[in-house]
Amino acid sequence: MIDLYTWGTPNGHKIHIMLEETGLPYRIHKVDIGAKEQFSPEYVKINPNSKIPAIIDRDGPDGGPVTIFESGAILLYLAEKTGRFLPAEDEPRARVLEWLMFQMGNIGPMFGQCYHFRSSAPERIPYTIDRYTREVGRLYGVMDKRLSTGAYLGGEEFSIADIATWPWTKNPAAYDQDPEDFPHVKKWIKKISERPTVKRALRVLDA
């Protein structure tokens, strides 16, 4: 059994999707970041960085519990645990890993800042909004070029690179982007959104 500590953010949804895709048994522990529950002493013992998500796998590699934080690390751990969504062969594996790192190093930080300054910041700063909005558009363009040559980010198979990236990029309008400017991304977003596992993953916090 996997204990998942999470909330309804893109990083949380990554792990919801992965667990639904793999079929691993898990139970949800809601960490309300709006109420700052991520800073509670109990949660800091699980994730010293006070972010979501985090997991405790009660059936770890040595038979005992193992705790993991950082969504990318969790995806890698679950992929290796199940043998799914991460190719074993060197070159295909490298393609998936490079696009996973592209999400971690670019999509997450830039999209997060764009959304914050456009929608949540107490002061609207035109230069900052413009800077992050343009960078988000550039990153959508990088994805669109990649997806013009293959069905998924890592190649022809759905992988943890797609699972990591889709929750951040599924709504271009939230970042003042026109989906029609990125036709290959638009097709990819729709294809992933139609997966039954993804539909279930987006509802796991409803209970």
Protein backbone atom coordinates (compact mmCIF):
# COMPACT_ATOMS: atom_id res chain seq x y z
CA MET A 1 0.00 0.00 0.00
CA ILE A 2 1.18 3.50 -0.88
CA ASP A 3 0.23 6.46 1.27
CA LEU A 4 -0.02 9.52 -0.97
CA TYR A 5 0.16 13.00 0.55
CA THR A 6 -1.24 15.37 -2.03
CA TRP A 7 -3.41 18.27 -3.12
CA GLY A 8 -5.07 19.35 -6.37
CA THR A 9 -2.07 20.95 -8.07
CA PRO A 10 -0.28 19.91 -11.27
CA ASN A 11 2.44 18.21 -9.23
CA GLY A 12 -0.18 16.36 -7.22
CA HIS A 13 -2.04 15.28 -10.36
CA LYS A 14 1.14 13.78 -11.79
CA ILE A 15 1.17 11.17 -9.06
CA HIS A 16 -2.60 10.66 -9.13
CA ILE A 17 -2.26 9.78 -12.82
CA MET A 18 0.73 7.52 -12.30
CA LEU A 19 -0.96 5.54 -9.55
CA GLU A 20 -4.15 5.16 -11.55
CA GLU A 21 -2.16 4.08 -14.61
CA THR A 22 -0.12 1.49 -12.73
CA GLY A 23 -2.99 0.17 -10.65
CA LEU A 24 -0.92 0.19 -7.47
CA PRO A 25 -3.05 0.28 -4.31
CA TYR A 26 -2.93 3.65 -2.59
CA ARG A 27 -4.74 5.82 -0.10
CA ILE A 28 -5.06 9.57 -0.16
CA HIS A 29 -3.98 11.94 2.60
CA LYS A 30 -5.09 15.46 1.74
CA VAL A 31 -2.59 18.21 2.53
CA ASP A 32 -4.46 21.51 2.24
CA ILE A 33 -1.76 23.89 1.07
CA GLY A 34 -4.15 26.83 1.28
CA ALA A 35 -4.41 26.15 5.01
CA LYS A 36 -0.60 25.69 5.15
CA GLU A 37 -0.89 22.09 6.32
CA GLN A 38 2.34 21.36 4.42
CA PHE A 39 4.22 23.18 7.19
CA SER A 40 2.91 21.03 10.02
CA PRO A 41 5.63 19.21 11.97
CA GLU A 42 4.06 15.87 11.07
CA TYR A 43 4.23 16.57 7.36
CA VAL A 44 7.74 18.09 7.47
CA LYS A 45 8.94 14.72 8.75
CA ILE A 46 7.70 13.26 5.45
CA ASN A 47 8.79 16.09 3.17
CA PRO A 48 11.42 18.45 4.63
CA ASN A 49 10.77 20.88 1.76
CA SER A 50 7.11 21.34 2.80
CA LYS A 51 5.72 20.72 -0.69
CA ILE A 52 3.31 18.20 -2.13
CA PRO A 53 3.30 15.45 -3.21
CA ALA A 54 5.10 12.84 -1.12
CA ILE A 55 4.58 9.12 -0.72
CA ILE A 56 5.28 6.40 1.80
CA ASP A 57 5.50 3.01 0.10
CA ARG A 58 4.71 0.48 2.81
CA ASP A 59 6.11 -2.26 0.55
CA GLY A 60 9.49 -0.75 -0.28
CA PRO A 61 12.43 -2.47 -1.98
CA ASP A 62 13.66 -4.04 1.25
CA GLY A 63 10.20 -5.05 2.39
CA GLY A 64 9.77 -2.08 4.72
CA PRO A 65 8.44 1.45 4.24
CA VAL A 66 10.26 4.01 2.10
CA THR A 67 9.44 7.73 1.97
CA ILE A 68 9.95 9.78 -1.21
CA PHE A 69 9.30 13.44 -1.97
CA GLU A 70 9.65 15.48 -5.21
CA SER A 71 7.21 14.52 -7.95
CA GLY A 72 9.88 13.60 -10.50
CA ALA A 73 11.60 11.27 -8.04
CA ILE A 74 8.25 9.68 -7.21
CA LEU A 75 7.49 9.09 -10.89
CA LEU A 76 10.88 7.46 -11.42
CA TYR A 77 10.47 5.31 -8.33
CA LEU A 78 7.00 4.11 -9.35
CA ALA A 79 8.10 3.49 -12.95
CA GLU A 80 10.98 1.33 -11.78
CA LYS A 81 8.84 -0.42 -9.16
CA THR A 82 6.26 -1.45 -11.77
CA GLY A 83 8.39 -1.66 -14.91
CA ARG A 84 6.00 0.70 -16.70
CA PHE A 85 6.19 4.05 -18.50
CA LEU A 86 10.01 4.14 -18.57
CA PRO A 87 11.77 2.11 -21.29
CA ALA A 88 14.51 -0.28 -20.28
CA GLU A 89 16.59 0.26 -23.43
CA ASP A 90 19.24 2.97 -23.17
CA GLU A 91 18.28 5.33 -26.00
CA PRO A 92 14.47 5.29 -25.52
CA ARG A 93 15.02 5.62 -21.77
CA ALA A 94 17.25 8.66 -22.33
CA ARG A 95 14.56 10.30 -24.49
CA VAL A 96 11.95 9.89 -21.76
CA LEU A 97 14.33 11.12 -19.07
CA GLU A 98 15.35 14.22 -21.00
CA TRP A 99 11.72 15.26 -21.45
CA LEU A 100 10.98 14.48 -17.81
CA MET A 101 13.83 16.83 -16.87
CA PHE A 102 12.52 19.38 -19.37
CA GLN A 103 9.30 19.43 -17.37
CA MET A 104 11.04 19.60 -14.02
CA GLY A 105 13.52 22.29 -15.02
CA ASN A 106 11.43 24.39 -17.40
CA ILE A 107 7.69 23.70 -17.59
CA GLY A 108 7.06 23.59 -13.84
CA PRO A 109 9.05 26.67 -12.83
CA MET A 110 8.05 28.89 -15.75
CA PHE A 111 4.39 27.88 -15.90
CA GLY A 112 4.13 28.20 -12.13
CA GLN A 113 5.54 31.72 -12.14
CA CYS A 114 3.39 32.72 -15.10
CA TYR A 115 0.22 31.55 -13.39
CA HIS A 116 1.19 33.23 -10.13
CA PHE A 117 1.94 36.63 -11.60
CA ARG A 118 -1.07 36.53 -13.93
CA SER A 119 -3.62 35.24 -11.43
CA SER A 120 -2.45 35.30 -7.80
CA ALA A 121 0.09 38.05 -7.19
CA PRO A 122 -1.18 40.96 -5.08
CA GLU A 123 0.38 43.40 -7.54
CA ARG A 124 0.22 43.20 -11.34
CA ILE A 125 3.67 43.85 -12.76
CA PRO A 126 3.46 44.16 -16.56
CA TYR A 127 7.11 43.36 -17.23
CA THR A 128 6.99 40.19 -15.12
CA ILE A 129 3.70 39.03 -16.62
CA ASP A 130 4.98 39.62 -20.14
CA ARG A 131 8.30 37.91 -19.46
CA TYR A 132 6.75 34.69 -18.10
CA THR A 133 3.91 34.64 -20.63
CA ARG A 134 6.40 34.84 -23.50
CA GLU A 135 8.53 32.10 -21.96
CA VAL A 136 5.50 29.83 -21.57
CA GLY A 137 4.70 30.41 -25.24
CA ARG A 138 8.26 29.51 -26.17
CA LEU A 139 8.07 26.28 -24.15
CA TYR A 140 4.77 25.32 -25.77
CA GLY A 141 6.58 25.85 -29.07
CA VAL A 142 9.39 23.50 -28.03
CA MET A 143 6.81 20.86 -27.15
CA ASP A 144 4.90 21.41 -30.38
CA LYS A 145 8.01 20.84 -32.47
CA ARG A 146 8.79 17.66 -30.56
CA LEU A 147 5.23 16.34 -30.86
CA SER A 148 5.26 16.97 -34.61
CA THR A 149 7.68 14.03 -34.89
CA GLY A 150 6.09 11.55 -32.47
CA ALA A 151 2.92 10.69 -30.63
CA TYR A 152 4.33 11.43 -27.18
CA LEU A 153 7.14 13.46 -25.66
CA GLY A 154 9.46 10.50 -25.15
CA GLY A 155 8.62 8.85 -28.48
CA GLU A 156 5.79 6.64 -29.63
CA GLU A 157 4.82 5.34 -26.20
CA PHE A 158 3.05 7.10 -23.34
CA SER A 159 5.56 7.62 -20.51
CA ILE A 160 6.33 9.40 -17.28
CA ALA A 161 7.43 12.40 -19.38
CA ASP A 162 3.83 12.84 -20.54
CA ILE A 163 2.44 12.15 -17.07
CA ALA A 164 4.70 14.85 -15.63
CA THR A 165 3.98 17.46 -18.29
CA TRP A 166 0.28 17.12 -19.08
CA PRO A 167 -1.12 18.50 -15.80
CA TRP A 168 0.90 21.70 -16.22
CA THR A 169 0.10 22.24 -19.89
CA LYS A 170 -3.47 20.96 -20.30
CA ASN A 171 -5.03 24.44 -20.19
CA PRO A 172 -3.11 26.88 -22.42
CA ALA A 173 -5.69 29.63 -21.88
CA ALA A 174 -4.66 29.83 -18.21
CA TYR A 175 -1.36 31.23 -19.44
CA ASP A 176 -2.88 33.48 -22.13
CA GLN A 177 -1.89 31.07 -24.91
CA ASP A 178 -3.97 30.18 -27.98
CA PRO A 179 -4.16 26.37 -28.38
CA GLU A 180 -4.44 26.83 -32.14
CA ASP A 181 -0.86 28.11 -32.16
CA PHE A 182 0.30 24.69 -31.00
CA PRO A 183 -1.69 22.09 -32.99
CA HIS A 184 0.46 19.11 -32.05
CA VAL A 185 0.28 20.00 -28.35
CA LYS A 186 -3.48 20.46 -28.68
CA LYS A 187 -3.85 16.96 -30.13
CA TRP A 188 -1.61 15.49 -27.42
CA ILE A 189 -3.56 17.24 -24.64
CA LYS A 190 -6.84 15.86 -25.97
CA LYS A 191 -5.48 12.34 -26.39
CA ILE A 192 -4.22 12.16 -22.82
CA SER A 193 -7.35 13.80 -21.38
CA GLU A 194 -9.44 10.99 -22.88
CA ARG A 195 -7.60 8.23 -21.01
CA PRO A 196 -9.97 6.72 -18.40
CA THR A 197 -7.14 6.60 -15.88
CA VAL A 198 -6.53 10.33 -16.28
CA LYS A 199 -10.21 11.12 -15.86
CA ARG A 200 -10.25 9.12 -12.63
CA ALA A 201 -7.00 10.73 -11.43
CA LEU A 202 -8.47 14.22 -11.66
CA ARG A 203 -11.29 13.17 -9.32
CA VAL A 204 -9.36 11.39 -6.57
CA LEU A 205 -9.65 14.31 -4.17
CA ASP A 206 -13.41 14.59 -4.59
CA ALA A 207 -14.17 11.96 -1.97
